[in-house]
Amino acid sequence: MAIAPVDVTIRPAVLGVRSQPPVIRVTRTEPAVAAERREGQVRWDRSDYLDAVNARPSAALGRALRDQARADALRAIAQVAHEGDTLGRVEQGNMIGTVARGKLPQDERELTLAAVPPPVRTTVDPGGLDLSVRPGELRIEALLAPVAIDVQRHIVTVDTEVPSQVSVHA
């Protein structure tokens, strides 16, 4: 028995993978720092002290002296008028002695000294530094492309001289 020659052709399976690298987007916002500086301040309230030592600003002192001078002038005019009326009644007796006695001090004078004036009130604001911080942001996005896979199957072809053909596909 003769064996017929056999021709076997094998085409191996082919697996093809196609991919594209991902697209990467990076977005970044810068951090921000805002600083605001407040100056320190010192304030003195001297009003209690100035009242205690009877010290006044020049404008207020000028007004007070003007008012006192006006009042003293009116009192002096009233006193001269009263003395004139008293001297006009000369025939009633010793009016000159009455006018002289009226000019003598009638009561004792009292003087009060404050030993220690009240302190000057001091207010201190040390100032400061106000900081406002906004952190930055880093954002990364990756866009992946689909992976394409191509498959060609494994084929075995057997050819004989006899008119028949066997194909095996796996």
Protein backbone atom coordinates (compact mmCIF):
# COMPACT_ATOMS: atom_id res chain seq x y z
CA MET A 1 0.00 0.00 0.00
CA ALA A 2 1.36 3.19 -0.99
CA ILE A 3 1.09 6.16 1.13
CA ALA A 4 0.04 9.19 -0.69
CA PRO A 5 2.12 12.25 -0.07
CA VAL A 6 0.49 14.72 2.26
CA ASP A 7 1.17 18.46 2.25
CA VAL A 8 0.41 20.13 5.56
CA THR A 9 0.25 23.93 5.67
CA ILE A 10 0.04 25.59 9.05
CA ARG A 11 -0.76 29.22 9.43
CA PRO A 12 -0.34 30.15 13.11
CA ALA A 13 -2.86 32.32 14.90
CA VAL A 14 -2.07 36.01 14.91
CA LEU A 15 -3.04 38.25 17.79
CA GLY A 16 -2.68 41.98 17.05
CA VAL A 17 -3.03 44.58 19.80
CA ARG A 18 -3.16 48.25 18.89
CA SER A 19 -3.24 50.88 21.59
CA GLN A 20 -2.61 54.60 21.81
CA PRO A 21 -0.98 56.28 24.78
CA PRO A 22 -3.43 58.12 27.03
CA VAL A 23 -3.89 61.87 26.67
CA ILE A 24 -2.92 63.52 29.94
CA ARG A 25 -4.08 67.04 30.80
CA VAL A 26 -2.60 68.84 33.77
CA THR A 27 -4.22 72.04 35.04
CA ARG A 28 -2.80 73.97 37.94
CA THR A 29 -3.89 77.06 39.85
CA GLU A 30 -1.30 78.96 41.79
CA PRO A 31 -1.69 79.33 45.54
CA ALA A 32 -2.42 82.85 46.73
CA VAL A 33 -1.44 84.64 49.93
CA ALA A 34 -2.86 88.06 50.81
CA ALA A 35 -1.31 89.92 53.72
CA GLU A 36 -2.72 93.07 55.30
CA ARG A 37 -0.72 94.91 57.93
CA ARG A 38 -2.37 97.06 60.60
CA GLU A 39 -0.23 99.75 62.17
CA GLY A 40 0.01 99.80 65.94
CA GLN A 41 -1.59 102.78 67.66
CA VAL A 42 -1.29 104.40 71.08
CA ARG A 43 -3.96 106.83 72.26
CA TRP A 44 -3.84 109.05 75.34
CA ASP A 45 -6.97 110.50 76.93
CA ARG A 46 -5.72 113.43 78.99
CA SER A 47 -9.10 115.03 79.69
CA ASP A 48 -9.31 113.89 83.36
CA TYR A 49 -5.75 115.06 84.01
CA LEU A 50 -6.24 118.44 82.30
CA ASP A 51 -9.48 119.01 84.27
CA ALA A 52 -7.72 118.13 87.54
CA VAL A 53 -4.87 120.60 86.98
CA ASN A 54 -7.23 123.17 85.43
CA ALA A 55 -5.34 123.19 82.16
CA ARG A 56 -7.27 123.96 78.99
CA PRO A 57 -6.50 124.25 75.31
CA SER A 58 -5.76 127.81 74.22
CA ALA A 59 -9.12 128.35 72.47
CA ALA A 60 -11.10 127.15 75.50
CA LEU A 61 -8.86 129.19 77.84
CA GLY A 62 -9.44 132.32 75.70
CA ARG A 63 -13.24 131.82 75.83
CA ALA A 64 -13.15 131.26 79.63
CA LEU A 65 -11.01 134.39 80.22
CA ARG A 66 -13.30 136.46 77.96
CA ASP A 67 -16.39 135.30 79.88
CA GLN A 68 -14.70 135.92 83.25
CA ALA A 69 -13.58 139.43 82.17
CA ARG A 70 -17.11 140.29 81.03
CA ALA A 71 -18.57 139.05 84.34
CA ASP A 72 -15.92 140.96 86.36
CA ALA A 73 -16.61 144.16 84.39
CA LEU A 74 -20.35 143.87 85.01
CA ARG A 75 -19.75 143.22 88.73
CA ALA A 76 -17.40 146.26 88.92
CA ILE A 77 -20.00 148.49 87.22
CA ALA A 78 -22.67 147.25 89.63
CA GLN A 79 -20.37 147.83 92.62
CA VAL A 80 -19.45 151.39 91.51
CA ALA A 81 -23.14 152.17 91.00
CA HIS A 82 -23.96 150.80 94.46
CA GLU A 83 -21.12 152.81 96.05
CA GLY A 84 -22.32 155.92 94.25
CA ASP A 85 -25.81 155.38 95.63
CA THR A 86 -24.37 154.86 99.11
CA LEU A 87 -22.24 158.04 98.91
CA GLY A 88 -25.29 159.90 97.63
CA ARG A 89 -26.92 159.30 101.00
CA VAL A 90 -24.18 161.28 102.80
CA GLU A 91 -26.67 163.10 104.96
CA GLN A 92 -27.79 159.85 106.61
CA GLY A 93 -24.55 159.27 108.40
CA ASN A 94 -21.01 157.96 107.90
CA MET A 95 -21.38 156.50 104.41
CA ILE A 96 -17.64 156.58 103.65
CA GLY A 97 -17.01 154.16 106.53
CA THR A 98 -19.81 151.92 105.27
CA VAL A 99 -18.24 151.80 101.78
CA ALA A 100 -14.79 151.07 103.32
CA ARG A 101 -16.18 148.24 105.49
CA GLY A 102 -17.89 146.75 102.39
CA LYS A 103 -14.51 146.48 100.68
CA LEU A 104 -12.95 144.44 103.48
CA PRO A 105 -12.98 140.66 103.04
CA GLN A 106 -15.93 139.21 104.93
CA ASP A 107 -15.04 135.52 105.03
CA GLU A 108 -12.03 133.34 105.17
CA ARG A 109 -10.71 131.99 101.90
CA GLU A 110 -10.25 128.26 101.49
CA LEU A 111 -7.64 126.71 99.24
CA THR A 112 -7.70 123.01 98.35
CA LEU A 113 -4.72 121.37 96.69
CA ALA A 114 -5.01 118.01 95.01
CA ALA A 115 -1.86 116.08 95.80
CA VAL A 116 -1.94 113.66 92.88
CA PRO A 117 -3.83 114.35 89.66
CA PRO A 118 -5.60 111.39 88.04
CA PRO A 119 -3.52 109.37 85.60
CA VAL A 120 -3.62 109.78 81.86
CA ARG A 121 -5.65 106.95 80.31
CA THR A 122 -3.63 105.06 77.70
CA THR A 123 -5.10 102.75 75.04
CA VAL A 124 -2.70 100.55 73.07
CA ASP A 125 -3.60 98.70 69.87
CA PRO A 126 -0.56 96.56 68.97
CA GLY A 127 -1.56 96.31 65.32
CA GLY A 128 -1.14 93.03 63.56
CA LEU A 129 -0.87 91.05 60.39
CA ASP A 130 -3.94 89.49 58.76
CA LEU A 131 -3.14 86.63 56.39
CA SER A 132 -5.52 85.08 53.91
CA VAL A 133 -4.27 81.89 52.25
CA ARG A 134 -5.87 80.11 49.30
CA PRO A 135 -4.15 76.81 48.47
CA GLY A 136 -3.34 76.00 44.88
CA GLU A 137 -4.94 73.14 43.00
CA LEU A 138 -3.41 70.46 40.78
CA ARG A 139 -5.77 68.54 38.55
CA ILE A 140 -4.67 65.63 36.36
CA GLU A 141 -6.99 64.05 33.78
CA ALA A 142 -6.08 60.97 31.77
CA LEU A 143 -8.19 60.19 28.69
CA LEU A 144 -7.66 56.54 27.75
CA ALA A 145 -8.12 55.44 24.14
CA PRO A 146 -9.77 52.07 23.51
CA VAL A 147 -7.49 49.10 22.87
CA ALA A 148 -8.07 47.37 19.50
CA ILE A 149 -7.41 43.62 19.38
CA ASP A 150 -7.33 41.75 16.04
CA VAL A 151 -7.38 37.96 16.03
CA GLN A 152 -6.61 35.73 13.05
CA ARG A 153 -7.37 32.16 13.80
CA HIS A 154 -4.92 29.30 13.59
CA ILE A 155 -5.39 27.34 10.33
CA VAL A 156 -4.03 23.92 9.49
CA THR A 157 -4.51 22.81 5.88
CA VAL A 158 -3.77 19.22 4.83
CA ASP A 159 -3.46 18.59 1.06
CA THR A 160 -3.26 15.12 -0.41
CA GLU A 161 -2.81 13.96 -3.97
CA VAL A 162 -6.13 12.31 -3.70
CA PRO A 163 -8.85 14.73 -4.51
CA SER A 164 -9.82 15.50 -0.92
CA GLN A 165 -8.79 18.29 1.33
CA VAL A 166 -8.97 18.52 5.07
CA SER A 167 -8.99 21.87 6.79
CA VAL A 168 -8.85 22.29 10.52
CA HIS A 169 -9.57 25.65 12.03
CA ALA A 170 -8.82 26.24 15.65
